[in-house]
Amino acid sequence: MKKSSILIVALLLFGFTTKNSSLTDQERKTAVDLLQQTEQGVIDAVAGLSDAQLNFKLAPDKWSVLECVKHIAITEQGLWQMTNGAIQQAANPEKRSEIKATDDQVIQMIESRVQKVKTTPPLEPQNTPYKSLSEALESFKTNRAKLIEYVKSTNDDLRNHVVTFPPGSFDSYQMILFIGAHSNRHTQQIEEVKADPNFPKS
């Protein structure tokens, strides 16, 4: 009886200490697919556009295609820096109760352009370091490639590192989905600019 009790305790302890808190295969696939598809979406949306098309604005206070790409690139960098900072800190699973959205809802909420959101000054296109479309795209693609590789290989416990900032509280996995959805949000904005009747033909 004593031996079997010790064995059960040992098994329980072993199970506890080796519990896998990394992402599931499906979570990895969902995030990687989203990141790859939304990256290609940005690239396709601006392919072959002339300077006139890149700089066309629907109104003086609206962003051009080029400005959208600059914003996408700088925000990609900023969101990941914030998320990675949280991952490097101690886990805060007690904050999970503050998360109000499911993974799917995070994507839908950020991609939806029904509600307009004003960005912070550091993320406004005119305040970015990018001087051209190629510079902004290169930054975006470089950072996106690093993020995709991270998602494919990480064993970090992303669910128990919660980030809280003005849009709400999200675990670090949801923040990765947020990054992908954000680029798609502004790809839709680019398509809105291109669909305007006054958009230059060349």
Protein backbone atom coordinates (compact mmCIF):
# COMPACT_ATOMS: atom_id res chain seq x y z
CA MET A 1 0.00 0.00 0.00
CA LYS A 2 2.81 2.31 0.99
CA LYS A 3 4.71 1.57 -2.20
CA SER A 4 1.72 2.22 -4.42
CA SER A 5 1.02 5.54 -2.62
CA ILE A 6 4.60 6.66 -3.19
CA LEU A 7 4.34 5.66 -6.85
CA ILE A 8 1.13 7.65 -7.32
CA VAL A 9 2.67 10.74 -5.68
CA ALA A 10 5.77 10.39 -7.86
CA LEU A 11 3.67 10.14 -11.01
CA LEU A 12 1.62 13.18 -10.02
CA LEU A 13 4.74 15.20 -9.33
CA PHE A 14 6.33 14.09 -12.59
CA GLY A 15 3.18 14.99 -14.49
CA PHE A 16 3.07 18.40 -12.86
CA THR A 17 6.69 19.31 -13.51
CA THR A 18 6.63 18.23 -17.16
CA LYS A 19 3.27 19.78 -18.07
CA ASN A 20 3.59 21.20 -21.58
CA SER A 21 2.46 24.83 -21.59
CA SER A 22 3.60 25.56 -25.14
CA LEU A 23 1.26 26.17 -28.06
CA THR A 24 -0.77 23.37 -29.59
CA ASP A 25 -0.14 22.40 -33.20
CA GLN A 26 -3.45 24.00 -34.16
CA GLU A 27 -2.61 27.27 -32.39
CA ARG A 28 0.73 27.42 -34.21
CA LYS A 29 -0.93 26.71 -37.54
CA THR A 30 -3.64 29.32 -36.98
CA ALA A 31 -1.11 32.02 -36.11
CA VAL A 32 1.37 31.15 -38.86
CA ASP A 33 -1.37 30.99 -41.50
CA LEU A 34 -2.73 34.37 -40.40
CA LEU A 35 0.72 35.98 -40.37
CA GLN A 36 1.66 34.59 -43.78
CA GLN A 37 -1.66 35.44 -45.43
CA THR A 38 -1.78 38.98 -44.08
CA GLU A 39 1.85 39.60 -45.03
CA GLN A 40 1.10 38.53 -48.60
CA GLY A 41 -2.00 40.71 -48.52
CA VAL A 42 0.08 43.83 -47.88
CA ILE A 43 2.63 42.91 -50.55
CA ASP A 44 -0.04 42.18 -53.17
CA ALA A 45 -1.98 45.36 -52.37
CA VAL A 46 0.95 47.64 -53.23
CA ALA A 47 2.56 45.67 -56.04
CA GLY A 48 3.24 47.74 -59.15
CA LEU A 49 1.78 51.01 -57.86
CA SER A 50 3.23 54.26 -59.21
CA ASP A 51 4.34 57.18 -57.05
CA ALA A 52 1.11 58.99 -57.94
CA GLN A 53 -0.94 56.01 -56.80
CA LEU A 54 1.10 55.52 -53.64
CA ASN A 55 0.66 59.14 -52.61
CA PHE A 56 -2.99 59.67 -53.61
CA LYS A 57 -5.30 60.68 -50.74
CA LEU A 58 -9.08 60.53 -50.53
CA ALA A 59 -8.93 63.78 -48.53
CA PRO A 60 -6.18 65.89 -46.93
CA ASP A 61 -6.76 64.25 -43.54
CA LYS A 62 -6.82 60.69 -44.92
CA TRP A 63 -3.85 58.38 -45.34
CA SER A 64 -2.36 57.48 -48.68
CA VAL A 65 -1.37 53.92 -49.59
CA LEU A 66 2.25 54.74 -48.75
CA GLU A 67 1.26 56.15 -45.37
CA CYS A 68 -0.74 53.00 -44.60
CA VAL A 69 2.31 50.84 -45.29
CA LYS A 70 4.52 53.05 -43.10
CA HIS A 71 2.00 52.71 -40.28
CA ILE A 72 1.77 48.93 -40.73
CA ALA A 73 5.56 48.60 -40.57
CA ILE A 74 6.12 50.75 -37.49
CA THR A 75 3.17 49.22 -35.63
CA GLU A 76 4.39 45.70 -36.44
CA GLN A 77 7.62 46.58 -34.70
CA GLY A 78 5.98 48.32 -31.73
CA LEU A 79 3.38 45.65 -30.99
CA TRP A 80 5.96 42.87 -31.03
CA GLN A 81 8.36 44.81 -28.78
CA MET A 82 5.54 45.26 -26.26
CA THR A 83 4.51 41.60 -26.51
CA ASN A 84 8.05 40.27 -26.27
CA GLY A 85 8.63 42.53 -23.27
CA ALA A 86 5.69 40.88 -21.52
CA ILE A 87 6.94 37.39 -22.44
CA GLN A 88 10.33 38.19 -20.87
CA GLN A 89 8.65 39.19 -17.59
CA ALA A 90 7.32 36.75 -15.00
CA ALA A 91 4.09 35.03 -16.02
CA ASN A 92 0.95 36.74 -14.74
CA PRO A 93 -1.84 34.14 -15.08
CA GLU A 94 -3.90 36.05 -12.51
CA LYS A 95 -4.46 38.65 -15.25
CA ARG A 96 -6.24 36.13 -17.47
CA SER A 97 -9.55 37.07 -15.83
CA GLU A 98 -9.20 40.50 -17.48
CA ILE A 99 -9.22 39.00 -21.00
CA LYS A 100 -12.64 39.58 -22.55
CA ALA A 101 -12.17 38.27 -26.10
CA THR A 102 -11.64 34.84 -27.62
CA ASP A 103 -8.91 34.33 -30.21
CA ASP A 104 -11.44 34.60 -33.06
CA GLN A 105 -12.95 37.74 -31.57
CA VAL A 106 -9.51 39.39 -31.36
CA ILE A 107 -8.98 38.84 -35.08
CA GLN A 108 -12.50 40.00 -35.99
CA MET A 109 -12.31 43.08 -33.74
CA ILE A 110 -8.96 44.29 -35.08
CA GLU A 111 -9.70 43.52 -38.74
CA SER A 112 -13.08 45.29 -38.66
CA ARG A 113 -12.99 48.84 -40.00
CA VAL A 114 -16.47 49.69 -38.72
CA GLN A 115 -15.05 51.52 -35.73
CA LYS A 116 -12.32 54.03 -36.55
CA VAL A 117 -9.42 54.32 -34.12
CA LYS A 118 -6.93 57.18 -33.93
CA THR A 119 -3.37 55.94 -33.55
CA THR A 120 -0.78 57.41 -31.20
CA PRO A 121 1.70 60.01 -32.58
CA PRO A 122 4.74 57.66 -32.65
CA LEU A 123 2.83 55.33 -34.97
CA GLU A 124 1.61 58.02 -37.35
CA PRO A 125 3.15 57.68 -40.84
CA GLN A 126 4.88 61.08 -40.79
CA ASN A 127 6.70 60.13 -37.59
CA THR A 128 8.17 56.86 -38.87
CA PRO A 129 11.80 56.56 -40.04
CA TYR A 130 10.81 55.20 -43.45
CA LYS A 131 11.63 57.37 -46.47
CA SER A 132 10.11 55.14 -49.14
CA LEU A 133 7.79 52.23 -49.81
CA SER A 134 10.75 49.86 -50.18
CA GLU A 135 12.12 50.85 -46.74
CA ALA A 136 8.75 50.35 -45.04
CA LEU A 137 8.10 47.05 -46.82
CA GLU A 138 11.57 45.74 -46.02
CA SER A 139 11.08 46.51 -42.32
CA PHE A 140 7.64 44.89 -42.36
CA LYS A 141 8.80 41.74 -44.13
CA THR A 142 11.90 41.36 -41.95
CA ASN A 143 9.96 41.68 -38.71
CA ARG A 144 7.15 39.46 -39.95
CA ALA A 145 9.61 36.72 -40.95
CA LYS A 146 11.16 36.79 -37.46
CA LEU A 147 7.72 36.58 -35.86
CA ILE A 148 6.65 33.64 -38.03
CA GLU A 149 9.85 31.77 -37.17
CA TYR A 150 9.28 32.50 -33.48
CA VAL A 151 5.71 31.13 -33.59
CA LYS A 152 6.88 27.99 -35.38
CA SER A 153 9.55 27.18 -32.80
CA THR A 154 8.73 28.75 -29.44
CA ASN A 155 7.93 26.79 -26.31
CA ASP A 156 7.15 29.95 -24.32
CA ASP A 157 3.99 29.88 -22.22
CA LEU A 158 2.26 32.61 -24.23
CA ARG A 159 -1.15 32.08 -22.64
CA ASN A 160 0.06 33.09 -19.18
CA HIS A 161 1.85 36.30 -20.16
CA VAL A 162 -0.92 38.88 -20.41
CA VAL A 163 -0.51 42.28 -22.04
CA THR A 164 -2.75 45.18 -20.98
CA PHE A 165 -2.88 48.39 -23.04
CA PRO A 166 -5.64 50.76 -24.25
CA PRO A 167 -7.45 48.29 -26.57
CA GLY A 168 -7.77 45.80 -23.68
CA SER A 169 -6.08 42.79 -22.12
CA PHE A 170 -4.78 39.97 -24.32
CA ASP A 171 -2.52 37.02 -23.71
CA SER A 172 0.70 36.98 -25.72
CA TYR A 173 -0.65 34.47 -28.22
CA GLN A 174 -3.62 36.75 -28.86
CA MET A 175 -1.19 39.63 -29.33
CA ILE A 176 0.43 37.71 -32.18
CA LEU A 177 -3.01 37.31 -33.75
CA PHE A 178 -3.56 41.04 -33.10
CA ILE A 179 -0.39 41.84 -35.11
CA GLY A 180 -1.56 39.80 -38.10
CA ALA A 181 -5.07 41.23 -37.95
CA HIS A 182 -3.73 44.78 -37.68
CA SER A 183 -1.86 44.54 -40.97
CA ASN A 184 -5.01 43.20 -42.63
CA ARG A 185 -7.05 46.07 -41.18
CA HIS A 186 -4.85 48.53 -43.05
CA THR A 187 -4.65 46.38 -46.17
CA GLN A 188 -8.41 46.88 -46.32
CA GLN A 189 -7.81 50.61 -45.96
CA ILE A 190 -5.37 50.47 -48.88
CA GLU A 191 -8.00 48.72 -50.99
CA GLU A 192 -10.52 51.44 -50.07
CA VAL A 193 -8.10 54.09 -51.37
CA LYS A 194 -7.50 52.13 -54.58
CA ALA A 195 -11.24 51.71 -55.13
CA ASP A 196 -11.90 55.46 -55.13
CA PRO A 197 -13.05 56.79 -58.55
CA ASN A 198 -10.32 59.45 -58.43
CA PHE A 199 -7.50 56.99 -57.76
CA PRO A 200 -4.88 57.58 -60.48
CA LYS A 201 -4.99 55.09 -63.34
CA SER A 202 -1.19 54.94 -63.42
